[in-house]
Amino acid sequence: MGIIQIVVVIAILLLLVKPVGTYLFHVFSNEPNRLDRIFGGFERGIYKVSGLKNREGMSWKTYALSFLSTNIVLVVFGYLVLRLQGGLPVNPNGITELEQTLTFNTVISFMTNTNLQHYSGETGLSYFSQMAVITMMMFTSAASGFSVAAAFVRGITGKNSLGNFFEDFVKAIIRVFLPLALLVTMALVALHVPQTLKPTLEVTTLEGAAQQIAIGPVASLESIKHLGTNGGGFFGANSAHPFENPSPLTNVIEILSMWMLPASLPYMYGLFAKNKRQGWGIFAAMMTLFVLLLSLNYAAEIKGNPAMADLGIETSQGSMEGKEVRFGVPQSALFTAVTTAATTGSVNNMHDTQTPLGSITPLALMMLNNVFGGKGVGLINMLMYAVLAVFLCGLMVGRTPEFLGRKIEAREMKLIAVAILIHPLIILAPTAASFLTDLGQGAISNSGYHGLTQVLYEYTSSAANNGSGFEGLADNSTFWNVMTGIVMLLGRYISIIAMLAVAGSLIRKQPVPETIGTFRTDNGLFTGILIGTVLIIGALTFLPVVVLGPIAEHLTLR
């Protein structure tokens, strides 16, 4: 029955990929279409108010600068609000400001689409901060990622320009995230997710004791949290909390919300490339890797923890430690795989309590960071590996590699090397550094192999802009706030700027006519080569540290 639940959700996703991908193509194609009648008026009003009269195409440098400057302005705004929230309105519970390093970590986290939370939402932030900073950044960080993905796709598919960042940014919010967020919010409210500005409830329990129950504008945050692959929870327990995710039905809605947009981007890419088969090939590579890693998590969790069985604890339902009974192992395993594949970071179970082998799945998906991925970044990273695969194949047969009719040369490969190498560097180096300092070691609640996994997971989640964590780590300290903040910045912006530079380089090149010797990138052979490239280059980089953490812990259970 558990496998059937998973298969049904995957089948629904497959039905959504084509219509959603087609819709996204019409949003970002910059060609007149019927959507203009619905959204054109709102967008023209925004352009007029903001003074954006000239929306001509940008160079990759101008596009990157526009992206960075917009993010910087929003970070400054968010920092000020969080530091001053105690004196701002819509704060019925009287919550005071956040500490400086925690504020730094929080605004960087939400602007980079990471949503790593070193605070507990219901006690750390006012309603105003939840709406004006957290929810706002969930829209803007997701729109930023989508805009960069659209620009990158235009570049490698040979369009006239990368487009205009501000136009893409506005379209992503007005035509994609706001309409979808409204629909999902209404659905969640109908399914009993709270949406209110009333203060914390004070109730009397059956035993006569007083209890405080936190509520607030939960549904509106919950919708964009998943649609934008953000993941930050209104409550500290995130989507394991019954007010954020009360039933198996809301669980499925949240899974599809965070999965359908990243999963539809390869189809959008195929339409831009005028080769749907190539889009499906990229999607097939992502789905193959996803199913393999989901299967590992499900098999490990349904088998149960042998250490628990040795204590005489009933494990017939699988490893239920840290899981909600209303979801069980199947929907917990699927949620875990989707939230780390789509780099959302939302959790409906505690990843720290998963079996050692089960914890490899979220770690591996974040380490790869291209199996669907977050808003646009996953597609960019997978296309980066596609270019790398073409380059390697070209070297093996002694032919100048080409991708979509453009030659792949030294400049592109240097930039791709930077994007590939920065990811393991900002994970492994800080992990090692944290064990060399007393400040880093003081946060680790478990000694031995599991403690290594806790630290590794924290930095992997930060670098992949995921935001989930092994919550046994005491991470709300100056050391961890600053360290993870820096990792989130580097993980978000270095690779994006490098890949925009690749797109800018390719768009200037003259197309090369296809010949009988051209390596095809729209068939099963290339999909297989792409999967192999991801596993050899991406996965093997992290194999030693995974052996030292989860695998070593697994071997000690018996």
Protein backbone atom coordinates (compact mmCIF):
# COMPACT_ATOMS: atom_id res chain seq x y z
CA MET A 1 0.00 0.00 0.00
CA GLY A 2 2.86 2.37 0.79
CA ILE A 3 4.41 1.96 -2.64
CA ILE A 4 1.00 2.59 -4.26
CA GLN A 5 0.75 5.92 -2.42
CA ILE A 6 4.14 6.94 -3.82
CA VAL A 7 3.35 5.78 -7.35
CA VAL A 8 0.05 7.72 -7.41
CA VAL A 9 1.77 10.97 -6.44
CA ILE A 10 4.48 10.46 -9.08
CA ALA A 11 1.78 9.73 -11.68
CA ILE A 12 -0.03 12.98 -10.83
CA LEU A 13 3.25 14.84 -11.20
CA LEU A 14 3.83 13.31 -14.66
CA LEU A 15 0.40 14.55 -15.74
CA LEU A 16 1.27 18.10 -14.60
CA VAL A 17 4.69 18.38 -16.27
CA LYS A 18 3.54 19.15 -19.82
CA PRO A 19 0.78 21.73 -19.11
CA VAL A 20 2.81 23.51 -16.44
CA GLY A 21 5.96 23.47 -18.59
CA THR A 22 4.01 24.88 -21.52
CA TYR A 23 2.61 27.63 -19.31
CA LEU A 24 6.10 28.55 -18.10
CA PHE A 25 7.31 28.71 -21.70
CA HIS A 26 4.58 31.21 -22.54
CA VAL A 27 5.45 33.27 -19.45
CA PHE A 28 9.16 33.60 -20.30
CA SER A 29 9.20 33.39 -24.10
CA ASN A 30 8.70 37.18 -24.35
CA GLU A 31 6.34 36.60 -27.26
CA PRO A 32 2.76 37.96 -27.31
CA ASN A 33 0.25 35.43 -26.01
CA ARG A 34 -3.14 35.20 -24.31
CA LEU A 35 -1.59 35.64 -20.87
CA ASP A 36 -0.99 39.29 -21.72
CA ARG A 37 -4.74 39.96 -21.61
CA ILE A 38 -4.93 38.68 -18.03
CA PHE A 39 -1.70 39.94 -16.48
CA GLY A 40 -0.50 42.65 -18.88
CA GLY A 41 -2.33 45.47 -17.13
CA PHE A 42 -0.87 44.66 -13.71
CA GLU A 43 2.64 44.40 -15.15
CA ARG A 44 2.40 47.65 -17.09
CA GLY A 45 1.31 49.38 -13.90
CA ILE A 46 4.35 48.03 -12.06
CA TYR A 47 6.67 49.05 -14.91
CA LYS A 48 5.20 52.56 -14.91
CA VAL A 49 5.49 53.05 -11.15
CA SER A 50 9.04 51.66 -11.07
CA GLY A 51 10.18 53.66 -14.10
CA LEU A 52 11.01 50.53 -16.07
CA LYS A 53 10.17 51.93 -19.49
CA ASN A 54 13.11 50.42 -21.36
CA ARG A 55 12.97 46.63 -21.05
CA GLU A 56 15.46 45.72 -23.74
CA GLY A 57 17.69 42.66 -23.44
CA MET A 58 20.67 42.71 -21.10
CA SER A 59 24.19 41.37 -21.36
CA TRP A 60 25.03 38.61 -18.90
CA LYS A 61 26.98 41.06 -16.74
CA THR A 62 24.10 43.54 -16.58
CA TYR A 63 21.65 40.71 -15.89
CA ALA A 64 23.84 39.40 -13.04
CA LEU A 65 24.32 42.90 -11.61
CA SER A 66 20.56 43.54 -11.69
CA PHE A 67 19.96 40.21 -9.95
CA LEU A 68 22.55 40.94 -7.25
CA SER A 69 21.50 44.55 -6.64
CA THR A 70 17.84 43.58 -6.23
CA ASN A 71 18.80 40.90 -3.72
CA ILE A 72 21.01 43.33 -1.78
CA VAL A 73 18.20 45.88 -1.42
CA LEU A 74 15.84 43.20 -0.13
CA VAL A 75 18.46 41.91 2.34
CA VAL A 76 18.91 45.40 3.81
CA PHE A 77 15.15 45.83 4.15
CA GLY A 78 14.75 42.43 5.78
CA TYR A 79 17.61 43.02 8.21
CA LEU A 80 16.12 46.32 9.41
CA VAL A 81 12.66 44.84 9.93
CA LEU A 82 13.94 41.87 11.95
CA ARG A 83 16.14 44.08 14.11
CA LEU A 84 13.27 46.51 14.77
CA GLN A 85 10.34 44.09 14.91
CA GLY A 86 9.71 44.70 18.62
CA GLY A 87 8.53 48.24 17.84
CA LEU A 88 6.72 47.48 14.59
CA PRO A 89 2.96 46.83 14.20
CA VAL A 90 1.11 43.50 13.87
CA ASN A 91 2.97 42.03 16.84
CA PRO A 92 0.19 40.95 19.21
CA ASN A 93 2.47 38.58 21.13
CA GLY A 94 5.08 41.27 21.87
CA ILE A 95 8.04 39.43 20.32
CA THR A 96 11.33 41.36 20.49
CA GLU A 97 14.06 41.74 17.88
CA LEU A 98 16.40 38.94 16.78
CA GLU A 99 20.05 38.87 17.85
CA GLN A 100 22.46 40.38 15.28
CA THR A 101 24.14 37.23 13.95
CA LEU A 102 20.83 35.39 13.93
CA THR A 103 19.31 38.28 11.95
CA PHE A 104 22.23 38.11 9.49
CA ASN A 105 21.77 34.37 9.08
CA THR A 106 18.00 34.66 8.65
CA VAL A 107 17.95 37.35 5.96
CA ILE A 108 20.76 35.65 4.02
CA SER A 109 18.95 32.34 4.39
CA PHE A 110 15.64 33.56 3.00
CA MET A 111 17.11 35.75 0.26
CA THR A 112 19.21 32.87 -1.06
CA ASN A 113 16.11 30.62 -1.15
CA THR A 114 17.68 28.46 1.58
CA ASN A 115 15.34 29.17 4.49
CA LEU A 116 17.65 27.57 7.03
CA GLN A 117 16.08 28.44 10.38
CA HIS A 118 18.18 28.83 13.50
CA TYR A 119 15.08 30.17 15.28
CA SER A 120 11.61 28.84 15.99
CA GLY A 121 9.08 30.76 13.91
CA GLU A 122 6.17 30.99 16.33
CA THR A 123 8.32 32.40 19.16
CA GLY A 124 11.07 34.21 17.23
CA LEU A 125 9.16 36.38 14.74
CA SER A 126 6.17 38.71 14.86
CA TYR A 127 3.30 38.36 12.39
CA PHE A 128 4.60 41.43 10.59
CA SER A 129 8.05 39.89 10.20
CA GLN A 130 6.55 36.60 9.01
CA MET A 131 4.63 38.45 6.29
CA ALA A 132 6.82 41.44 5.37
CA VAL A 133 10.17 39.62 5.45
CA ILE A 134 9.76 35.84 5.40
CA THR A 135 6.79 35.53 3.03
CA MET A 136 8.02 38.44 0.89
CA MET A 137 11.45 36.86 0.46
CA MET A 138 9.86 33.53 -0.36
CA PHE A 139 8.29 35.21 -3.40
CA THR A 140 11.28 37.31 -4.41
CA SER A 141 14.01 34.68 -3.96
CA ALA A 142 11.99 32.15 -5.97
CA ALA A 143 11.30 34.74 -8.69
CA SER A 144 15.01 35.59 -8.81
CA GLY A 145 15.92 31.94 -9.37
CA PHE A 146 13.26 31.49 -12.04
CA SER A 147 14.47 34.62 -13.83
CA VAL A 148 18.06 33.39 -13.93
CA ALA A 149 16.92 29.99 -15.22
CA ALA A 150 14.92 31.66 -18.02
CA ALA A 151 17.95 33.79 -18.96
CA PHE A 152 20.25 30.77 -18.96
CA VAL A 153 17.88 28.76 -21.14
CA ARG A 154 17.60 31.64 -23.61
CA GLY A 155 21.37 31.84 -23.76
CA ILE A 156 22.13 28.20 -24.46
CA THR A 157 19.22 27.80 -26.90
CA GLY A 158 20.46 30.68 -29.05
CA LYS A 159 17.83 33.35 -28.47
CA ASN A 160 18.63 36.95 -29.36
CA SER A 161 19.42 37.95 -25.76
CA LEU A 162 19.27 36.72 -22.20
CA GLY A 163 16.28 38.98 -21.61
CA ASN A 164 15.67 41.66 -19.01
CA PHE A 165 15.98 40.63 -15.36
CA PHE A 166 13.37 43.06 -14.03
CA GLU A 167 10.81 41.98 -16.62
CA ASP A 168 11.46 38.31 -15.85
CA PHE A 169 11.28 39.04 -12.12
CA VAL A 170 7.90 40.76 -12.38
CA LYS A 171 6.49 38.07 -14.67
CA ALA A 172 7.61 35.28 -12.34
CA ILE A 173 5.77 36.86 -9.42
CA ILE A 174 2.64 38.10 -11.23
CA ARG A 175 2.09 35.20 -13.64
CA VAL A 176 3.43 32.22 -11.69
CA PHE A 177 3.79 32.54 -7.94
CA LEU A 178 0.94 34.86 -6.93
CA PRO A 179 -1.85 32.98 -8.79
CA LEU A 180 -0.60 29.57 -7.67
CA ALA A 181 -0.04 30.74 -4.09
CA LEU A 182 -3.60 32.10 -3.94
CA LEU A 183 -5.02 28.77 -5.11
CA VAL A 184 -2.92 26.68 -2.72
CA THR A 185 -3.65 29.04 0.19
CA MET A 186 -7.39 28.70 -0.35
CA ALA A 187 -7.07 24.91 -0.56
CA LEU A 188 -5.06 24.77 2.68
CA VAL A 189 -7.49 27.04 4.52
CA ALA A 190 -10.33 24.77 3.38
CA LEU A 191 -8.36 21.85 4.84
CA HIS A 192 -8.05 23.59 8.25
CA VAL A 193 -4.66 25.28 8.05
CA PRO A 194 -4.92 28.53 10.11
CA GLN A 195 -4.91 31.98 8.48
CA THR A 196 -5.44 34.66 11.10
CA LEU A 197 -3.87 37.68 12.80
CA LYS A 198 -5.27 36.80 16.23
CA PRO A 199 -2.73 36.43 19.08
CA THR A 200 -1.64 33.14 20.63
CA LEU A 201 -4.61 31.23 22.04
CA GLU A 202 -4.79 30.53 25.76
CA VAL A 203 -6.80 27.41 26.52
CA THR A 204 -7.47 25.16 29.47
CA THR A 205 -6.62 21.50 28.99
CA LEU A 206 -8.73 18.57 30.21
CA GLU A 207 -6.45 18.34 33.24
CA GLY A 208 -7.21 21.98 34.06
CA ALA A 209 -3.78 23.31 33.13
CA ALA A 210 -3.25 26.46 31.05
CA GLN A 211 -1.78 26.01 27.58
CA GLN A 212 -0.79 28.48 24.89
CA ILE A 213 -1.39 27.51 21.25
CA ALA A 214 0.42 29.51 18.59
CA ILE A 215 -1.54 30.48 15.47
CA GLY A 216 -1.12 33.14 12.78
CA PRO A 217 -1.08 33.70 8.99
CA VAL A 218 0.08 30.14 8.38
CA ALA A 219 -1.66 29.10 5.13
CA SER A 220 -0.36 32.04 3.07
CA LEU A 221 3.21 31.33 4.16
CA GLU A 222 2.76 27.59 3.69
CA SER A 223 1.69 27.93 0.06
CA ILE A 224 4.61 30.01 -1.19
CA LYS A 225 6.96 28.10 1.10
CA HIS A 226 6.41 25.05 -1.09
CA LEU A 227 5.66 26.65 -4.46
CA GLY A 228 8.86 28.70 -4.18
CA THR A 229 10.84 25.70 -2.87
CA ASN A 230 11.66 27.81 0.17
CA GLY A 231 10.89 25.52 3.09
CA GLY A 232 10.98 27.86 6.07
CA GLY A 233 8.23 26.93 8.50
CA PHE A 234 5.87 29.21 10.39
CA PHE A 235 6.36 26.80 13.31
CA GLY A 236 9.60 25.28 14.54
CA ALA A 237 8.34 21.78 13.74
CA ASN A 238 7.79 22.87 10.12
CA SER A 239 5.45 20.64 8.07
CA ALA A 240 5.40 18.03 10.82
CA HIS A 241 3.24 20.51 12.79
CA PRO A 242 -0.49 19.72 12.49
CA PHE A 243 -1.32 23.39 11.79
CA GLU A 244 1.05 23.48 8.80
CA ASN A 245 0.26 20.02 7.46
CA PRO A 246 -2.78 18.50 9.17
CA SER A 247 -3.56 15.47 6.98
CA PRO A 248 -2.29 13.10 4.28
CA LEU A 249 -4.21 15.18 1.71
CA THR A 250 -2.43 18.40 2.66
CA ASN A 251 0.80 16.40 2.62
CA VAL A 252 0.23 15.44 -1.03
CA ILE A 253 -0.72 19.03 -1.93
CA GLU A 254 2.51 20.28 -0.38
CA ILE A 255 4.60 17.62 -2.13
CA LEU A 256 3.12 18.51 -5.53
CA SER A 257 3.41 22.24 -4.80
CA MET A 258 7.16 22.05 -4.28
CA TRP A 259 7.74 19.48 -7.03
CA MET A 260 5.68 20.48 -10.07
CA LEU A 261 7.47 23.72 -11.04
CA PRO A 262 11.05 22.34 -10.90
CA ALA A 263 9.88 19.16 -12.64
CA SER A 264 8.24 21.19 -15.42
CA LEU A 265 11.31 23.30 -16.22
CA PRO A 266 12.98 20.61 -18.40
CA TYR A 267 9.86 20.56 -20.60
CA MET A 268 9.98 24.37 -20.80
CA TYR A 269 13.63 24.06 -21.81
CA GLY A 270 12.67 21.58 -24.55
CA LEU A 271 10.19 24.10 -25.97
CA PHE A 272 12.85 26.83 -25.96
CA ALA A 273 15.27 24.47 -27.70
CA LYS A 274 12.51 23.46 -30.17
CA ASN A 275 13.29 19.87 -29.26
CA LYS A 276 10.82 18.36 -26.80
CA ARG A 277 12.73 15.06 -26.79
CA GLN A 278 15.73 16.82 -25.33
CA GLY A 279 13.59 18.28 -22.57
CA TRP A 280 12.16 14.86 -21.78
CA GLY A 281 15.69 13.41 -21.79
CA ILE A 282 16.77 15.87 -19.09
CA PHE A 283 13.61 15.09 -17.14
CA ALA A 284 14.25 11.33 -17.46
CA ALA A 285 17.76 11.72 -16.06
CA MET A 286 16.41 13.67 -13.09
CA MET A 287 13.59 11.20 -12.43
CA THR A 288 15.88 8.16 -12.67
CA LEU A 289 18.23 9.55 -10.05
CA PHE A 290 15.27 10.59 -7.91
CA VAL A 291 13.62 7.16 -7.96
CA LEU A 292 16.90 5.42 -7.11
CA LEU A 293 17.50 7.60 -4.07
CA LEU A 294 13.84 7.55 -2.99
CA SER A 295 13.96 3.75 -3.11
CA LEU A 296 17.00 3.74 -0.81
CA ASN A 297 15.25 5.92 1.76
CA TYR A 298 11.98 3.99 1.63
CA ALA A 299 13.69 0.59 1.88
CA ALA A 300 15.85 1.69 4.81
CA GLU A 301 12.99 3.29 6.73
CA ILE A 302 10.41 0.54 6.13
CA LYS A 303 12.92 -2.07 7.29
CA GLY A 304 13.28 -0.29 10.58
CA ASN A 305 16.19 0.38 12.87
CA PRO A 306 17.81 -2.85 14.11
CA ALA A 307 19.01 -1.08 17.24
CA MET A 308 15.37 -0.42 18.16
CA ALA A 309 14.44 -4.04 17.49
CA ASP A 310 17.24 -5.19 19.79
CA LEU A 311 15.63 -3.15 22.58
CA GLY A 312 12.34 -5.01 22.09
CA ILE A 313 10.57 -2.04 20.47
CA GLU A 314 7.91 -2.90 17.87
CA THR A 315 9.23 -2.05 14.36
CA SER A 316 6.65 -3.74 12.11
CA GLN A 317 5.61 -0.33 10.73
CA GLY A 318 9.21 0.57 9.99
CA SER A 319 11.36 3.17 11.66
CA MET A 320 8.73 5.51 13.12
CA GLU A 321 11.08 7.49 15.35
CA GLY A 322 10.68 11.17 14.45
CA LYS A 323 7.77 10.52 12.08
CA GLU A 324 4.12 11.53 12.30
CA VAL A 325 1.69 8.62 12.55
CA ARG A 326 -0.72 10.37 10.16
CA PHE A 327 1.92 10.13 7.40
CA GLY A 328 3.75 6.91 8.20
CA VAL A 329 6.91 5.78 6.39
CA PRO A 330 5.64 6.07 2.75
CA GLN A 331 4.57 9.72 2.81
CA SER A 332 7.50 10.61 5.06
CA ALA A 333 10.00 9.01 2.68
CA LEU A 334 8.45 10.68 -0.38
CA PHE A 335 8.35 14.06 1.37
CA THR A 336 12.00 13.66 2.42
CA ALA A 337 13.12 12.85 -1.11
CA VAL A 338 11.08 15.62 -2.76
CA THR A 339 12.03 18.33 -0.28
CA THR A 340 15.75 17.66 -0.73
CA ALA A 341 15.54 16.99 -4.48
CA ALA A 342 13.68 20.25 -5.02
CA THR A 343 15.94 21.94 -2.40
CA THR A 344 12.86 23.08 -0.50
CA GLY A 345 13.97 22.20 3.01
CA SER A 346 10.47 21.72 4.37
CA VAL A 347 10.22 18.61 6.56
CA ASN A 348 7.31 16.48 7.73
CA ASN A 349 9.59 14.23 9.78
CA MET A 350 12.84 14.77 11.65
CA HIS A 351 15.74 13.84 9.36
CA ASP A 352 18.06 13.50 12.34
CA THR A 353 16.12 10.42 13.46
CA GLN A 354 16.18 8.60 10.13
CA THR A 355 18.15 5.40 9.81
CA PRO A 356 21.78 5.89 8.75
CA LEU A 357 21.17 4.50 5.26
CA GLY A 358 17.94 6.46 4.96
CA SER A 359 19.79 9.70 5.71
CA ILE A 360 22.02 9.13 2.66
CA THR A 361 19.07 10.05 0.40
CA PRO A 362 18.57 13.66 1.54
CA LEU A 363 22.33 14.14 1.76
CA ALA A 364 22.95 12.78 -1.74
CA LEU A 365 20.14 14.79 -3.34
CA MET A 366 21.51 18.01 -1.85
CA MET A 367 25.09 17.10 -2.77
CA LEU A 368 24.06 16.54 -6.38
CA ASN A 369 21.84 19.65 -6.35
CA ASN A 370 20.52 18.93 -9.86
CA VAL A 371 17.78 16.32 -9.39
CA PHE A 372 14.93 18.75 -10.16
CA GLY A 373 16.50 21.27 -7.79
CA GLY A 374 15.12 24.55 -6.55
CA LYS A 375 13.58 27.36 -8.55
CA GLY A 376 15.64 27.21 -11.74
CA VAL A 377 18.93 26.21 -10.12
CA GLY A 378 18.33 22.49 -10.55
CA LEU A 379 17.75 22.83 -14.30
CA ILE A 380 20.80 25.08 -14.64
CA ASN A 381 22.97 22.56 -12.79
CA MET A 382 21.70 19.61 -14.83
CA LEU A 383 22.31 21.49 -18.07
CA MET A 384 25.78 22.26 -16.75
CA TYR A 385 26.39 18.53 -16.44
CA ALA A 386 24.89 18.05 -19.91
CA VAL A 387 27.47 20.45 -21.38
CA LEU A 388 30.18 18.65 -19.41
CA ALA A 389 28.99 15.29 -20.74
CA VAL A 390 29.12 16.57 -24.32
CA PHE A 391 32.62 17.94 -23.71
CA LEU A 392 33.89 14.62 -22.32
CA CYS A 393 32.35 12.69 -25.21
CA GLY A 394 33.94 15.08 -27.67
CA LEU A 395 37.36 14.54 -26.11
CA MET A 396 36.98 10.76 -26.35
CA VAL A 397 36.26 10.79 -30.08
CA GLY A 398 38.59 13.64 -30.97
CA ARG A 399 35.87 16.05 -32.09
CA THR A 400 35.16 19.63 -31.00
CA PRO A 401 32.18 19.29 -28.64
CA GLU A 402 28.94 21.05 -29.56
CA PHE A 403 25.75 21.62 -27.61
CA LEU A 404 22.61 22.92 -29.28
CA GLY A 405 24.65 24.03 -32.28
CA ARG A 406 27.26 25.97 -30.27
CA LYS A 407 30.87 24.92 -29.80
CA ILE A 408 31.95 24.22 -26.23
CA GLU A 409 35.39 25.68 -25.73
CA ALA A 410 37.88 26.48 -22.97
CA ARG A 411 36.05 29.54 -21.59
CA GLU A 412 32.81 27.65 -20.98
CA MET A 413 34.60 24.70 -19.39
CA LYS A 414 36.57 26.92 -17.00
CA LEU A 415 33.36 28.54 -15.81
CA ILE A 416 31.64 25.16 -15.44
CA ALA A 417 34.64 23.87 -13.48
CA VAL A 418 34.25 26.79 -11.06
CA ALA A 419 30.54 26.02 -10.59
CA ILE A 420 31.20 22.29 -10.07
CA LEU A 421 34.15 22.67 -7.68
CA ILE A 422 32.73 25.40 -5.46
CA HIS A 423 29.91 23.15 -4.24
CA PRO A 424 32.02 20.42 -2.58
CA LEU A 425 34.57 23.01 -1.42
CA ILE A 426 32.06 25.04 0.61
CA ILE A 427 30.64 21.84 2.13
CA LEU A 428 33.74 19.84 3.00
CA ALA A 429 36.07 22.66 4.07
CA PRO A 430 33.66 24.19 6.66
CA THR A 431 32.76 20.68 7.89
CA ALA A 432 36.42 19.98 8.61
CA ALA A 433 36.93 23.45 10.12
CA SER A 434 34.00 22.98 12.51
CA PHE A 435 35.67 19.94 14.06
CA LEU A 436 38.89 21.90 14.57
CA THR A 437 37.33 24.59 16.76
CA ASP A 438 35.75 24.43 20.20
CA LEU A 439 32.94 26.72 19.00
CA GLY A 440 32.03 24.25 16.26
CA GLN A 441 32.32 21.11 18.38
CA GLY A 442 30.22 22.57 21.18
CA ALA A 443 27.08 22.37 19.03
CA ILE A 444 27.37 18.66 18.23
CA SER A 445 24.98 16.64 20.37
CA ASN A 446 26.13 13.23 19.15
CA SER A 447 29.69 11.96 19.25
CA GLY A 448 31.11 9.65 16.63
CA TYR A 449 29.78 9.00 13.15
CA HIS A 450 26.34 10.55 13.67
CA GLY A 451 27.93 13.75 14.90
CA LEU A 452 29.92 13.96 11.66
CA THR A 453 26.69 13.51 9.69
CA GLN A 454 25.00 16.28 11.68
CA VAL A 455 27.72 18.78 10.74
CA LEU A 456 27.97 17.53 7.16
CA TYR A 457 24.19 17.83 6.73
CA GLU A 458 24.15 21.42 8.05
CA TYR A 459 26.71 22.63 5.52
CA THR A 460 25.32 20.53 2.67
CA SER A 461 21.87 22.01 3.28
CA SER A 462 23.36 25.52 3.39
CA ALA A 463 25.43 25.08 0.22
CA ALA A 464 22.53 23.55 -1.71
CA ASN A 465 20.20 26.35 -0.54
CA ASN A 466 17.93 23.70 0.97
CA GLY A 467 17.52 24.69 4.60
CA SER A 468 16.54 21.42 6.27
CA GLY A 469 18.76 20.23 9.09
CA PHE A 470 19.65 17.53 11.56
CA GLU A 471 17.97 19.29 14.45
CA GLY A 472 20.17 17.63 17.05
CA LEU A 473 22.77 20.25 16.13
CA ALA A 474 22.69 23.29 18.44
CA ASP A 475 23.21 25.73 15.58
CA ASN A 476 21.91 29.05 16.97
CA SER A 477 25.26 30.51 17.96
CA THR A 478 27.53 33.19 16.54
CA PHE A 479 29.85 30.59 15.01
CA TRP A 480 27.15 28.62 13.20
CA ASN A 481 25.11 31.68 12.21
CA VAL A 482 28.11 33.29 10.53
CA MET A 483 29.60 30.12 9.03
CA THR A 484 26.36 28.89 7.46
CA GLY A 485 25.50 32.44 6.36
CA ILE A 486 28.75 32.63 4.38
CA VAL A 487 28.21 29.17 2.89
CA MET A 488 24.68 30.11 1.80
CA LEU A 489 25.97 33.24 0.06
CA LEU A 490 28.73 31.39 -1.78
CA GLY A 491 26.46 28.47 -2.66
CA ARG A 492 23.83 30.72 -4.18
CA TYR A 493 25.71 33.38 -6.07
CA ILE A 494 29.01 31.97 -7.34
CA SER A 495 27.46 29.18 -9.41
CA ILE A 496 24.64 31.41 -10.70
CA ILE A 497 27.06 34.10 -11.88
CA ALA A 498 29.33 31.50 -13.48
CA MET A 499 26.45 29.90 -15.39
CA LEU A 500 25.12 33.28 -16.54
CA ALA A 501 28.61 33.91 -17.91
CA VAL A 502 28.40 30.57 -19.76
CA ALA A 503 25.05 31.59 -21.25
CA GLY A 504 26.47 34.97 -22.24
CA SER A 505 29.41 33.29 -23.93
CA LEU A 506 27.28 30.79 -25.87
CA ILE A 507 24.75 33.35 -27.06
CA ARG A 508 27.49 35.28 -28.88
CA LYS A 509 28.66 32.26 -30.86
CA GLN A 510 27.58 31.53 -34.40
CA PRO A 511 25.58 28.31 -34.72
CA VAL A 512 27.40 25.31 -36.16
CA PRO A 513 25.46 23.33 -38.81
CA GLU A 514 24.49 19.84 -37.71
CA THR A 515 26.35 17.06 -39.54
CA ILE A 516 26.38 13.27 -39.48
CA GLY A 517 29.15 13.48 -36.87
CA THR A 518 27.20 15.69 -34.47
CA PHE A 519 26.65 14.02 -31.12
CA ARG A 520 22.91 13.81 -30.51
CA THR A 521 21.66 14.98 -27.14
CA ASP A 522 18.00 14.00 -27.48
CA ASN A 523 18.10 10.22 -27.18
CA GLY A 524 18.37 7.52 -24.54
CA LEU A 525 22.11 7.16 -25.01
CA PHE A 526 22.75 10.74 -24.00
CA THR A 527 20.39 10.44 -21.03
CA GLY A 528 22.44 7.47 -19.83
CA ILE A 529 25.71 9.36 -20.35
CA LEU A 530 24.28 12.32 -18.46
CA ILE A 531 23.32 10.15 -15.49
CA GLY A 532 26.77 8.58 -15.52
CA THR A 533 28.46 12.00 -15.61
CA VAL A 534 26.41 13.20 -12.64
CA LEU A 535 27.26 10.09 -10.63
CA ILE A 536 30.97 10.02 -11.50
CA ILE A 537 31.69 13.74 -11.18
CA GLY A 538 29.08 14.77 -8.65
CA ALA A 539 28.46 11.78 -6.41
CA LEU A 540 31.95 10.29 -6.11
CA THR A 541 33.29 13.62 -4.85
CA PHE A 542 31.35 13.11 -1.63
CA LEU A 543 31.68 9.33 -1.29
CA PRO A 544 34.54 9.38 1.28
CA VAL A 545 32.71 11.65 3.72
CA VAL A 546 29.46 9.67 3.30
CA VAL A 547 31.40 6.51 4.16
CA LEU A 548 32.78 8.19 7.29
CA GLY A 549 29.31 9.34 8.36
CA PRO A 550 26.08 7.42 7.54
CA ILE A 551 27.66 4.24 6.19
CA ALA A 552 30.03 3.87 9.15
CA GLU A 553 27.12 4.49 11.53
CA HIS A 554 25.06 1.83 9.78
CA LEU A 555 27.84 -0.73 10.20
CA THR A 556 27.87 -0.13 13.98
CA LEU A 557 24.16 -0.85 14.48
CA ARG A 558 24.77 -4.58 14.82
